[in-house]
Amino acid sequence: MASLSSQKTPCTSDGCKSVGILKCEGCSQIFCRKHVNEHRDLLNHQLDEIVLEHDALQKLFVEEKSKENYYDHLLKQIDKWEQESIMKIQQTANEARQQIEILFSSQKAMVSTELHNQAEELRKARIDDDFVETDLHKWINMLEKVQHNVNNFIHSTTVSEDSTELGVVLYFYFIK
C-alpha cells in the first residue's frame, strides 16, 4: 500500500496539497476536486468573454451593413459625377458644333462673296467684250486662289481636346 500512496500526484494549483484527481486535457494540469471546479469556472468565464467579443463583432458587422447606406451614397455620388461629366461633355460638344457651324458658314459666305464678285466681273467683261489675255490669267489666278483657300480651309481645320479637371475644352485651328 505504501507504494500506491507514493504514486499519488498532487494538485498543481498553487499552495494546494490535496491529491489531484483529474487531468485537464487542454492544459495537461492535474487538479483536486475543488480546483477542478475553479478551473472549469475559469474556462467558462473565458468562453463568456469570447462570446461577448463575438457578439460585439457581430453587432459591428450588422452596423457596417447599415453603413452600406454610406456605400450606396458613395456610389450615388459617383453616378452624379458621371452624369454631370457627361452633361459637360455634351454641352462642350454642342458648343463646338456651333463654333464649327459659324466657322464654316463664315468661310462659305466669304467664298460665296468672292465667287459672286468674280462672276460679276466675268459677266461684265463678256457683255462689254472688254478683256485680254492678262485679264484671263488674272481670273484664272483668282479662281485658283479661291480653290486653294477652300482646300486649305477644309484640310487645315482641326479639333483638339484639352481635358482638364473642370471639363473638356475643344480648340479649333485654322492654318492659313
N, C-alpha and C. Protein backbone atom coordinates (compact mmCIF):
# COMPACT_ATOMS: atom_id res chain seq x y z
N MET A 1 0.80 -1.19 0.00
CA MET A 1 0.00 0.00 0.00
C MET A 1 0.84 1.25 0.00
N ALA A 2 1.95 1.15 0.67
CA ALA A 2 2.82 2.31 0.76
C ALA A 2 3.29 2.73 -0.60
N SER A 3 3.50 1.78 -1.47
CA SER A 3 3.96 2.14 -2.81
C SER A 3 2.86 2.81 -3.61
N LEU A 4 1.60 2.45 -3.33
CA LEU A 4 0.49 3.08 -4.04
C LEU A 4 0.36 4.54 -3.65
N SER A 5 0.47 4.85 -2.37
CA SER A 5 0.32 6.23 -1.92
C SER A 5 1.47 7.09 -2.38
N SER A 6 2.60 6.52 -2.64
CA SER A 6 3.73 7.32 -3.11
C SER A 6 3.55 7.70 -4.58
N GLN A 7 2.64 7.06 -5.31
CA GLN A 7 2.39 7.38 -6.71
C GLN A 7 1.32 8.43 -6.88
N LYS A 8 0.70 8.90 -5.84
CA LYS A 8 -0.34 9.91 -5.95
C LYS A 8 0.28 11.22 -6.41
N THR A 9 -0.43 11.86 -7.37
CA THR A 9 0.06 13.13 -7.91
C THR A 9 -0.69 14.26 -7.23
N PRO A 10 0.03 15.26 -6.74
CA PRO A 10 -0.65 16.36 -6.06
C PRO A 10 -1.34 17.30 -7.06
N CYS A 11 -2.27 18.08 -6.57
CA CYS A 11 -2.96 19.12 -7.37
C CYS A 11 -1.92 20.16 -7.75
N THR A 12 -2.00 20.65 -8.99
CA THR A 12 -0.99 21.61 -9.48
C THR A 12 -1.34 23.05 -9.16
N SER A 13 -2.46 23.30 -8.50
CA SER A 13 -2.81 24.67 -8.12
C SER A 13 -1.86 25.14 -7.04
N ASP A 14 -1.51 26.42 -7.09
CA ASP A 14 -0.56 26.99 -6.13
C ASP A 14 -1.03 26.79 -4.69
N GLY A 15 -0.14 26.27 -3.89
CA GLY A 15 -0.38 26.12 -2.47
C GLY A 15 -1.31 24.99 -2.08
N CYS A 16 -1.80 24.22 -3.03
CA CYS A 16 -2.72 23.15 -2.72
C CYS A 16 -1.92 21.87 -2.47
N LYS A 17 -2.26 21.18 -1.36
CA LYS A 17 -1.56 19.96 -1.03
C LYS A 17 -2.45 18.74 -1.23
N SER A 18 -3.65 18.96 -1.78
CA SER A 18 -4.59 17.86 -1.99
C SER A 18 -4.12 17.01 -3.15
N VAL A 19 -4.69 15.83 -3.19
CA VAL A 19 -4.34 14.87 -4.24
C VAL A 19 -5.10 15.25 -5.51
N GLY A 20 -4.38 15.23 -6.64
CA GLY A 20 -5.02 15.50 -7.93
C GLY A 20 -5.86 14.33 -8.36
N ILE A 21 -7.09 14.61 -8.81
CA ILE A 21 -7.99 13.53 -9.19
C ILE A 21 -8.35 13.58 -10.68
N LEU A 22 -8.05 14.74 -11.33
CA LEU A 22 -8.48 14.88 -12.73
C LEU A 22 -7.42 15.67 -13.49
N LYS A 23 -7.12 15.16 -14.65
CA LYS A 23 -6.15 15.85 -15.51
C LYS A 23 -6.93 16.59 -16.61
N CYS A 24 -6.64 17.89 -16.77
CA CYS A 24 -7.29 18.69 -17.83
C CYS A 24 -6.58 18.37 -19.14
N GLU A 25 -7.34 17.95 -20.12
CA GLU A 25 -6.77 17.61 -21.43
C GLU A 25 -6.29 18.85 -22.19
N GLY A 26 -6.85 20.03 -21.82
CA GLY A 26 -6.46 21.25 -22.52
C GLY A 26 -5.11 21.77 -22.08
N CYS A 27 -4.89 21.84 -20.77
CA CYS A 27 -3.63 22.41 -20.27
C CYS A 27 -2.71 21.36 -19.65
N SER A 28 -3.16 20.12 -19.56
CA SER A 28 -2.40 18.97 -19.03
C SER A 28 -2.05 19.11 -17.54
N GLN A 29 -2.77 19.96 -16.81
CA GLN A 29 -2.54 20.08 -15.37
C GLN A 29 -3.49 19.13 -14.63
N ILE A 30 -3.06 18.75 -13.44
CA ILE A 30 -3.85 17.84 -12.62
C ILE A 30 -4.43 18.65 -11.46
N PHE A 31 -5.74 18.46 -11.21
CA PHE A 31 -6.43 19.26 -10.20
C PHE A 31 -7.14 18.36 -9.20
N CYS A 32 -7.26 18.88 -7.97
CA CYS A 32 -8.09 18.22 -6.95
C CYS A 32 -9.54 18.58 -7.24
N ARG A 33 -10.46 18.00 -6.48
CA ARG A 33 -11.88 18.23 -6.73
C ARG A 33 -12.23 19.71 -6.67
N LYS A 34 -11.74 20.42 -5.67
CA LYS A 34 -12.04 21.84 -5.50
C LYS A 34 -11.51 22.65 -6.68
N HIS A 35 -10.28 22.39 -7.05
CA HIS A 35 -9.65 23.19 -8.11
C HIS A 35 -10.10 22.79 -9.52
N VAL A 36 -10.63 21.57 -9.67
CA VAL A 36 -11.23 21.19 -10.96
C VAL A 36 -12.41 22.11 -11.23
N ASN A 37 -13.24 22.33 -10.20
CA ASN A 37 -14.40 23.21 -10.38
C ASN A 37 -13.97 24.65 -10.66
N GLU A 38 -12.95 25.14 -9.93
CA GLU A 38 -12.45 26.50 -10.17
C GLU A 38 -11.88 26.63 -11.59
N HIS A 39 -11.14 25.61 -12.01
CA HIS A 39 -10.55 25.62 -13.36
C HIS A 39 -11.66 25.64 -14.41
N ARG A 40 -12.69 24.85 -14.15
CA ARG A 40 -13.82 24.81 -15.08
C ARG A 40 -14.54 26.15 -15.12
N ASP A 41 -14.70 26.78 -13.95
CA ASP A 41 -15.32 28.12 -13.88
C ASP A 41 -14.49 29.14 -14.67
N LEU A 42 -13.17 29.04 -14.52
CA LEU A 42 -12.27 29.94 -15.26
C LEU A 42 -12.44 29.75 -16.76
N LEU A 43 -12.50 28.49 -17.20
CA LEU A 43 -12.70 28.22 -18.63
C LEU A 43 -14.05 28.76 -19.10
N ASN A 44 -15.08 28.59 -18.29
CA ASN A 44 -16.41 29.12 -18.64
C ASN A 44 -16.38 30.65 -18.74
N HIS A 45 -15.65 31.29 -17.81
CA HIS A 45 -15.53 32.75 -17.85
C HIS A 45 -14.81 33.19 -19.13
N GLN A 46 -13.75 32.49 -19.49
CA GLN A 46 -13.02 32.83 -20.72
C GLN A 46 -13.90 32.63 -21.95
N LEU A 47 -14.71 31.55 -21.94
CA LEU A 47 -15.64 31.33 -23.04
C LEU A 47 -16.67 32.46 -23.12
N ASP A 48 -17.16 32.90 -21.94
CA ASP A 48 -18.11 34.02 -21.92
C ASP A 48 -17.49 35.27 -22.55
N GLU A 49 -16.24 35.54 -22.24
CA GLU A 49 -15.56 36.71 -22.82
C GLU A 49 -15.44 36.58 -24.34
N ILE A 50 -15.14 35.37 -24.80
CA ILE A 50 -15.04 35.14 -26.25
C ILE A 50 -16.40 35.36 -26.90
N VAL A 51 -17.46 34.86 -26.25
CA VAL A 51 -18.81 35.05 -26.79
C VAL A 51 -19.16 36.53 -26.84
N LEU A 52 -18.78 37.28 -25.79
CA LEU A 52 -19.04 38.72 -25.78
C LEU A 52 -18.30 39.42 -26.93
N GLU A 53 -17.04 39.06 -27.12
CA GLU A 53 -16.27 39.64 -28.23
C GLU A 53 -16.91 39.28 -29.57
N HIS A 54 -17.35 38.03 -29.68
CA HIS A 54 -18.02 37.59 -30.90
C HIS A 54 -19.28 38.41 -31.14
N ASP A 55 -20.09 38.58 -30.08
CA ASP A 55 -21.33 39.34 -30.21
C ASP A 55 -21.06 40.79 -30.58
N ALA A 56 -20.01 41.36 -30.00
CA ALA A 56 -19.65 42.75 -30.32
C ALA A 56 -19.24 42.85 -31.79
N LEU A 57 -18.48 41.88 -32.25
CA LEU A 57 -18.07 41.88 -33.66
C LEU A 57 -19.29 41.68 -34.56
N GLN A 58 -20.19 40.79 -34.15
CA GLN A 58 -21.42 40.57 -34.91
C GLN A 58 -22.23 41.86 -35.00
N LYS A 59 -22.35 42.57 -33.88
CA LYS A 59 -23.09 43.83 -33.85
C LYS A 59 -22.41 44.86 -34.76
N LEU A 60 -21.10 44.92 -34.68
CA LEU A 60 -20.35 45.85 -35.53
C LEU A 60 -20.58 45.53 -37.00
N PHE A 61 -20.60 44.26 -37.32
CA PHE A 61 -20.84 43.85 -38.71
C PHE A 61 -22.23 44.26 -39.16
N VAL A 62 -23.22 44.08 -38.28
CA VAL A 62 -24.59 44.49 -38.62
C VAL A 62 -24.63 46.00 -38.82
N GLU A 63 -23.93 46.74 -37.95
CA GLU A 63 -23.87 48.19 -38.11
C GLU A 63 -23.18 48.56 -39.42
N GLU A 64 -22.14 47.82 -39.77
CA GLU A 64 -21.44 48.06 -41.04
C GLU A 64 -22.38 47.83 -42.21
N LYS A 65 -23.25 46.82 -42.07
CA LYS A 65 -24.23 46.59 -43.13
C LYS A 65 -25.13 47.80 -43.27
N SER A 66 -25.44 48.44 -42.12
CA SER A 66 -26.26 49.65 -42.22
C SER A 66 -25.43 50.77 -42.83
N LYS A 67 -24.12 50.66 -42.73
CA LYS A 67 -23.26 51.65 -43.37
C LYS A 67 -23.23 51.44 -44.87
N GLU A 68 -23.84 50.35 -45.33
CA GLU A 68 -23.96 50.17 -46.77
C GLU A 68 -24.75 51.33 -47.36
N ASN A 69 -25.56 51.96 -46.52
CA ASN A 69 -26.22 53.18 -46.98
C ASN A 69 -25.17 54.20 -47.38
N TYR A 70 -24.09 54.27 -46.60
CA TYR A 70 -22.99 55.17 -46.95
C TYR A 70 -22.32 54.70 -48.23
N TYR A 71 -22.16 53.40 -48.36
CA TYR A 71 -21.62 52.81 -49.59
C TYR A 71 -22.50 53.21 -50.77
N ASP A 72 -23.81 53.05 -50.59
CA ASP A 72 -24.75 53.45 -51.64
C ASP A 72 -24.65 54.94 -51.92
N HIS A 73 -24.46 55.73 -50.86
CA HIS A 73 -24.30 57.18 -51.03
C HIS A 73 -23.07 57.49 -51.88
N LEU A 74 -21.97 56.78 -51.62
CA LEU A 74 -20.76 56.99 -52.42
C LEU A 74 -21.00 56.62 -53.88
N LEU A 75 -21.68 55.51 -54.10
CA LEU A 75 -21.99 55.11 -55.47
C LEU A 75 -22.88 56.14 -56.15
N LYS A 76 -23.82 56.71 -55.40
CA LYS A 76 -24.68 57.74 -55.97
C LYS A 76 -23.88 58.99 -56.31
N GLN A 77 -22.89 59.31 -55.47
CA GLN A 77 -22.02 60.45 -55.77
C GLN A 77 -21.27 60.21 -57.08
N ILE A 78 -20.78 59.00 -57.25
CA ILE A 78 -20.06 58.66 -58.49
C ILE A 78 -21.01 58.75 -59.68
N ASP A 79 -22.23 58.24 -59.51
CA ASP A 79 -23.22 58.33 -60.60
C ASP A 79 -23.52 59.78 -60.94
N LYS A 80 -23.67 60.61 -59.91
CA LYS A 80 -23.95 62.04 -60.13
C LYS A 80 -22.78 62.69 -60.88
N TRP A 81 -21.55 62.40 -60.42
CA TRP A 81 -20.37 62.94 -61.09
C TRP A 81 -20.33 62.50 -62.56
N GLU A 82 -20.65 61.23 -62.79
CA GLU A 82 -20.66 60.71 -64.15
C GLU A 82 -21.67 61.47 -65.01
N GLN A 83 -22.88 61.64 -64.50
CA GLN A 83 -23.92 62.33 -65.26
C GLN A 83 -23.54 63.79 -65.51
N GLU A 84 -22.99 64.45 -64.49
CA GLU A 84 -22.57 65.84 -64.67
C GLU A 84 -21.45 65.94 -65.69
N SER A 85 -20.52 64.98 -65.65
CA SER A 85 -19.42 64.98 -66.62
C SER A 85 -19.95 64.77 -68.03
N ILE A 86 -20.89 63.85 -68.16
CA ILE A 86 -21.49 63.60 -69.48
C ILE A 86 -22.19 64.85 -69.98
N MET A 87 -22.91 65.53 -69.07
CA MET A 87 -23.60 66.76 -69.47
C MET A 87 -22.61 67.84 -69.89
N LYS A 88 -21.49 67.96 -69.15
CA LYS A 88 -20.46 68.95 -69.52
C LYS A 88 -19.88 68.62 -70.89
N ILE A 89 -19.62 67.34 -71.12
CA ILE A 89 -19.06 66.93 -72.41
C ILE A 89 -20.06 67.20 -73.52
N GLN A 90 -21.33 66.87 -73.28
CA GLN A 90 -22.35 67.12 -74.30
C GLN A 90 -22.49 68.62 -74.56
N GLN A 91 -22.44 69.42 -73.51
CA GLN A 91 -22.53 70.87 -73.67
C GLN A 91 -21.33 71.38 -74.47
N THR A 92 -20.15 70.90 -74.14
CA THR A 92 -18.95 71.31 -74.86
C THR A 92 -19.03 70.88 -76.32
N ALA A 93 -19.52 69.67 -76.55
CA ALA A 93 -19.66 69.18 -77.93
C ALA A 93 -20.65 70.04 -78.71
N ASN A 94 -21.76 70.41 -78.07
CA ASN A 94 -22.74 71.27 -78.74
C ASN A 94 -22.15 72.64 -79.06
N GLU A 95 -21.40 73.19 -78.11
CA GLU A 95 -20.74 74.47 -78.35
C GLU A 95 -19.73 74.35 -79.49
N ALA A 96 -19.01 73.23 -79.51
CA ALA A 96 -18.03 73.01 -80.58
C ALA A 96 -18.73 72.91 -81.93
N ARG A 97 -19.86 72.21 -81.96
CA ARG A 97 -20.62 72.12 -83.21
C ARG A 97 -21.07 73.51 -83.69
N GLN A 98 -21.52 74.31 -82.73
CA GLN A 98 -21.95 75.67 -83.08
C GLN A 98 -20.77 76.49 -83.62
N GLN A 99 -19.62 76.35 -82.98
CA GLN A 99 -18.45 77.09 -83.44
C GLN A 99 -18.03 76.63 -84.83
N ILE A 100 -18.09 75.32 -85.07
CA ILE A 100 -17.76 74.81 -86.40
C ILE A 100 -18.76 75.34 -87.42
N GLU A 101 -20.04 75.36 -87.05
CA GLU A 101 -21.07 75.88 -87.95
C GLU A 101 -20.79 77.34 -88.29
N ILE A 102 -20.46 78.13 -87.28
CA ILE A 102 -20.14 79.54 -87.50
C ILE A 102 -18.90 79.67 -88.38
N LEU A 103 -17.88 78.89 -88.07
CA LEU A 103 -16.63 78.94 -88.83
C LEU A 103 -16.86 78.58 -90.29
N PHE A 104 -17.59 77.49 -90.53
CA PHE A 104 -17.83 77.06 -91.91
C PHE A 104 -18.79 78.01 -92.63
N SER A 105 -19.78 78.52 -91.91
CA SER A 105 -20.70 79.49 -92.53
C SER A 105 -19.95 80.75 -92.93
N SER A 106 -19.07 81.19 -92.07
CA SER A 106 -18.26 82.37 -92.37
C SER A 106 -17.39 82.14 -93.59
N GLN A 107 -16.72 80.97 -93.62
CA GLN A 107 -15.86 80.64 -94.77
C GLN A 107 -16.70 80.52 -96.04
N LYS A 108 -17.85 79.88 -95.91
CA LYS A 108 -18.73 79.70 -97.07
C LYS A 108 -19.20 81.06 -97.59
N ALA A 109 -19.56 81.96 -96.68
CA ALA A 109 -20.00 83.30 -97.08
C ALA A 109 -18.87 84.07 -97.77
N MET A 110 -17.67 83.93 -97.23
CA MET A 110 -16.52 84.62 -97.82
C MET A 110 -16.25 84.10 -99.23
N VAL A 111 -16.26 82.78 -99.40
CA VAL A 111 -16.01 82.19 -100.72
C VAL A 111 -17.14 82.56 -101.67
N SER A 112 -18.37 82.52 -101.17
CA SER A 112 -19.52 82.87 -102.00
C SER A 112 -19.42 84.32 -102.49
N THR A 113 -19.01 85.21 -101.59
CA THR A 113 -18.84 86.62 -101.98
C THR A 113 -17.75 86.76 -103.03
N GLU A 114 -16.62 86.08 -102.82
CA GLU A 114 -15.53 86.15 -103.80
C GLU A 114 -15.99 85.63 -105.16
N LEU A 115 -16.68 84.49 -105.15
CA LEU A 115 -17.15 83.91 -106.42
C LEU A 115 -18.21 84.80 -107.07
N HIS A 116 -19.08 85.38 -106.27
CA HIS A 116 -20.10 86.28 -106.81
C HIS A 116 -19.44 87.51 -107.45
N ASN A 117 -18.49 88.10 -106.74
CA ASN A 117 -17.79 89.27 -107.29
C ASN A 117 -17.06 88.91 -108.58
N GLN A 118 -16.42 87.75 -108.59
CA GLN A 118 -15.71 87.33 -109.79
C GLN A 118 -16.70 87.06 -110.93
N ALA A 119 -17.84 86.46 -110.60
CA ALA A 119 -18.85 86.19 -111.62
C ALA A 119 -19.35 87.49 -112.23
N GLU A 120 -19.56 88.49 -111.39
CA GLU A 120 -19.99 89.80 -111.89
C GLU A 120 -18.94 90.41 -112.81
N GLU A 121 -17.69 90.28 -112.39
CA GLU A 121 -16.59 90.82 -113.21
C GLU A 121 -16.51 90.08 -114.54
N LEU A 122 -16.65 88.75 -114.50
CA LEU A 122 -16.60 87.96 -115.74
C LEU A 122 -17.80 88.29 -116.64
N ARG A 123 -18.99 88.40 -116.05
CA ARG A 123 -20.19 88.72 -116.82
C ARG A 123 -20.05 90.09 -117.48
N LYS A 124 -19.57 91.08 -116.72
CA LYS A 124 -19.41 92.43 -117.26
C LYS A 124 -18.38 92.43 -118.40
N ALA A 125 -17.27 91.67 -118.19
CA ALA A 125 -16.23 91.62 -119.23
C ALA A 125 -16.79 90.99 -120.50
N ARG A 126 -17.62 89.95 -120.35
CA ARG A 126 -18.20 89.29 -121.52
C ARG A 126 -19.19 90.23 -122.23
N ILE A 127 -20.07 90.85 -121.45
CA ILE A 127 -21.07 91.76 -122.05
C ILE A 127 -20.38 92.92 -122.76
N ASP A 128 -19.39 93.48 -122.10
CA ASP A 128 -18.69 94.63 -122.68
C ASP A 128 -17.66 94.20 -123.73
N ASP A 129 -17.43 92.90 -123.80
CA ASP A 129 -16.40 92.36 -124.70
C ASP A 129 -15.09 93.13 -124.49
N ASP A 130 -14.77 93.25 -123.17
CA ASP A 130 -13.63 94.08 -122.79
C ASP A 130 -12.68 93.26 -121.91
N PHE A 131 -11.90 92.37 -122.52
CA PHE A 131 -10.92 91.59 -121.78
C PHE A 131 -9.81 91.16 -122.73
N VAL A 132 -8.65 90.92 -122.12
CA VAL A 132 -7.48 90.48 -122.88
C VAL A 132 -6.86 89.32 -122.13
N GLU A 133 -5.75 88.79 -122.67
CA GLU A 133 -5.09 87.63 -122.06
C GLU A 133 -4.71 87.87 -120.61
N THR A 134 -4.24 89.05 -120.30
CA THR A 134 -3.85 89.32 -118.90
C THR A 134 -5.05 89.24 -117.97
N ASP A 135 -6.23 89.66 -118.47
CA ASP A 135 -7.44 89.52 -117.65
C ASP A 135 -7.77 88.05 -117.42
N LEU A 136 -7.64 87.24 -118.48
CA LEU A 136 -7.91 85.80 -118.35
C LEU A 136 -6.97 85.17 -117.32
N HIS A 137 -5.68 85.53 -117.38
CA HIS A 137 -4.71 84.99 -116.41
C HIS A 137 -5.06 85.45 -114.98
N LYS A 138 -5.47 86.70 -114.86
CA LYS A 138 -5.85 87.23 -113.54
C LYS A 138 -7.04 86.44 -112.99
N TRP A 139 -8.05 86.17 -113.84
CA TRP A 139 -9.24 85.45 -113.37
C TRP A 139 -8.91 83.99 -113.04
N ILE A 140 -8.05 83.40 -113.84
CA ILE A 140 -7.61 82.02 -113.54
C ILE A 140 -6.89 82.00 -112.19
N ASN A 141 -6.01 82.97 -111.98
CA ASN A 141 -5.28 83.04 -110.70
C ASN A 141 -6.23 83.27 -109.53
N MET A 142 -7.24 84.10 -109.74
CA MET A 142 -8.24 84.35 -108.70
C MET A 142 -9.01 83.06 -108.37
N LEU A 143 -9.40 82.31 -109.42
CA LEU A 143 -10.11 81.04 -109.20
C LEU A 143 -9.22 80.04 -108.46
N GLU A 144 -7.96 79.97 -108.87
CA GLU A 144 -7.02 79.06 -108.21
C GLU A 144 -6.82 79.46 -106.75
N LYS A 145 -6.77 80.76 -106.50
CA LYS A 145 -6.61 81.25 -105.13
C LYS A 145 -7.82 80.86 -104.29
N VAL A 146 -9.02 81.05 -104.82
CA VAL A 146 -10.24 80.67 -104.08
C VAL A 146 -10.24 79.16 -103.84
N GLN A 147 -9.91 78.38 -104.89
CA GLN A 147 -9.87 76.92 -104.75
C GLN A 147 -8.84 76.52 -103.69
N HIS A 148 -7.68 77.15 -103.72
CA HIS A 148 -6.63 76.87 -102.73
C HIS A 148 -7.12 77.20 -101.32
N ASN A 149 -7.77 78.35 -101.16
CA ASN A 149 -8.27 78.75 -99.84
C ASN A 149 -9.32 77.76 -99.32
N VAL A 150 -10.21 77.31 -100.22
CA VAL A 150 -11.23 76.33 -99.82
C VAL A 150 -10.56 75.03 -99.38
N ASN A 151 -9.64 74.52 -100.20
CA ASN A 151 -8.94 73.27 -99.86
C ASN A 151 -8.13 73.43 -98.58
N ASN A 152 -7.45 74.54 -98.47
CA ASN A 152 -6.63 74.80 -97.29
C ASN A 152 -7.50 74.87 -96.04
N PHE A 153 -8.63 75.53 -96.14
CA PHE A 153 -9.54 75.65 -95.00
C PHE A 153 -10.03 74.27 -94.56
N ILE A 154 -10.46 73.47 -95.52
CA ILE A 154 -11.00 72.15 -95.20
C ILE A 154 -9.94 71.25 -94.56
N HIS A 155 -8.74 71.27 -95.10
CA HIS A 155 -7.70 70.35 -94.63
C HIS A 155 -6.91 70.89 -93.45
N SER A 156 -7.02 72.15 -93.16
CA SER A 156 -6.21 72.69 -92.07
C SER A 156 -7.02 73.03 -90.83
N THR A 157 -8.31 72.77 -90.85
CA THR A 157 -9.13 73.00 -89.66
C THR A 157 -9.14 71.70 -88.87
N THR A 158 -8.68 71.77 -87.63
CA THR A 158 -8.62 70.57 -86.79
C THR A 158 -9.28 70.85 -85.45
N VAL A 159 -9.61 69.79 -84.77
CA VAL A 159 -10.18 69.88 -83.43
C VAL A 159 -9.24 69.13 -82.51
N SER A 160 -8.90 69.76 -81.39
CA SER A 160 -8.07 69.05 -80.41
C SER A 160 -8.72 69.18 -79.05
N GLU A 161 -8.42 68.25 -78.20
CA GLU A 161 -9.07 68.16 -76.90
C GLU A 161 -8.08 68.52 -75.81
N ASP A 162 -8.56 69.26 -74.83
CA ASP A 162 -7.77 69.58 -73.65
C ASP A 162 -8.60 69.18 -72.44
N SER A 163 -8.36 67.99 -71.91
CA SER A 163 -9.12 67.52 -70.75
C SER A 163 -8.55 68.18 -69.50
N THR A 164 -9.40 68.82 -68.77
CA THR A 164 -9.00 69.45 -67.53
C THR A 164 -9.90 68.95 -66.42
N GLU A 165 -9.61 69.36 -65.20
CA GLU A 165 -10.46 68.96 -64.08
C GLU A 165 -11.86 69.52 -64.25
N LEU A 166 -11.96 70.67 -64.89
CA LEU A 166 -13.26 71.33 -65.00
C LEU A 166 -14.07 70.84 -66.17
N GLY A 167 -13.50 70.07 -67.03
CA GLY A 167 -14.25 69.59 -68.18
C GLY A 167 -13.36 69.45 -69.39
N VAL A 168 -13.97 69.50 -70.53
CA VAL A 168 -13.26 69.31 -71.78
C VAL A 168 -13.38 70.59 -72.58
N VAL A 169 -12.27 71.03 -73.13
CA VAL A 169 -12.26 72.22 -73.97
C VAL A 169 -11.79 71.79 -75.34
N LEU A 170 -12.52 72.18 -76.35
CA LEU A 170 -12.13 71.85 -77.72
C LEU A 170 -11.57 73.10 -78.37
N TYR A 171 -10.47 72.94 -79.06
CA TYR A 171 -9.85 74.04 -79.77
C TYR A 171 -9.95 73.77 -81.26
N PHE A 172 -10.17 74.83 -82.00
CA PHE A 172 -10.21 74.74 -83.45
C PHE A 172 -9.04 75.53 -83.99
N TYR A 173 -8.37 74.95 -84.93
CA TYR A 173 -7.23 75.62 -85.53
C TYR A 173 -7.48 75.77 -87.01
N PHE A 174 -7.24 76.94 -87.49
CA PHE A 174 -7.31 77.19 -88.92
C PHE A 174 -5.95 77.72 -89.32
N ILE A 175 -5.24 76.93 -90.08
CA ILE A 175 -3.89 77.28 -90.51
C ILE A 175 -3.97 77.88 -91.89
N LYS A 176 -3.48 79.09 -92.01
CA LYS A 176 -3.51 79.77 -93.31
C LYS A 176 -2.22 79.53 -94.04
